[in-house]
Amino acid sequence: MTAILEDICATSSTDTLNVGVRNTVNCLASYRRFRTTDRDVAEAETAKLLSPHRLQLSPTGGDLDAKLSWASLGPVSLYLNDYQSPVSIDRPSQSGYMSVVAPVAGHFLVRHHKQEFVAHPHRGAQAAVSWGDSLHMELSADCAMLSLRAEVAALTEALRNLLPDEDGPLRFESAIINPRSRQAISGTMELMTTVLDNFGSVDGIPSHLRRQLRESALNTVLLTVPHNHSADIFRPRRPRRLAVRQAVELIDSEAIGELTISDIAKHVGVGMRALEIGFQREMQCTPRSFIQTKRMERAHQDLQDADPRSGATVTDIAFRWGFAHTGRFASAYRRRYGVSPSHTLRRLGGSAP
């Protein structure tokens, strides 16, 4: 999947939005994976669970005391990490997942595409980091970060459940997360930490509840962090049968063969994938084959009506109906009508009443 986003999505908010998140500084205690004062160990152990990166200590910082808690619900995981010392993290381009990161104490700086953003808990700030370009972060000595991480494959599958008629890759876009969206993400994180802490282990959580937590997290990300399908999710959906009928009427009204499938889908207010599924179910063919059949019929009629003595040619008529390759047009015409288009023009041209 082509990487688009490695962007920071954050704004300020009232203190009340992040009360729940700030209270998670000591959460996930039973999910502690390591605690170390060794930089190399911290870098290596974090890379095993998250992704390869370079961890650097500030020369003016205090002693390192790195901790990482991590709870995995399969394609969705939640982790809390802090270093108790100012550090910087440089992560190369990654693929396969995206994360929403919220500071629950201290602050962190993110640098991306020559832009910088500093996130503070009391401002309700959150950073959405997805697959793609490299990332640079600088954490204050008292910084603790709670992160919600979701795999691309799971997000794509969840998107198909929201938009069964849509197709194509999922690409997150640069954006500012609005206050309502930040509140939804914080609420999801708080719900997950509450359930995880109450059960004490992932295995102790009933399977149906784990599934519900995963689905809630995936849908929250899809509904709050802008991406290339966001508009489709919130756009009123037209009934498929109505869209197909309107598409057929539009194709029938063509004066020349110039409409594309994309043009038709936009005109009737559905996605290209939805249009294709609708045609398969209602017309038992694809939009492309339906258009080609209609245009071939129009070309056949024009060949019958044309007078070759007036200068009409097979090439002109083929081009009028969108057949740019006259050789392929002639072959398709012969398969359908049993004669060449030039034969129709010579023998029947001008003879129709």
Foldseek 3Di string as FASTA:
>chain_A
DDADDFAWAWFFDAQVLLPLVLVCLPFLVLQKDDWDQDLVVLQVVVCVVPNHKDKAFDPPKDGWTKIKGKADLDQKIKMKIATLIKMKIKFAFDAFKKKKKAWSQFWKWKADPNDIDIHDSRRLTITIGHGDGMIMMITHSTTMMMMMMGTLVLLVVLVCVLPVLDDDGKYFDHYHFDSVLSSLQSVLSSVVRVVCRVQSHPVSDDNVVSVVSVSSNSVSCLQTGHIPCNCVSPDDDDPLLQLQVQLVVVLLPDPFADDDLCNSCVVSPHDSSSNQVSCCVPVVDGPVVVSVVVLLVVLLVCLLAAAVVVVDDSCVSCVRHPNNDSVVSQVVNCVVPVDGSVCNNVPRYNVDD
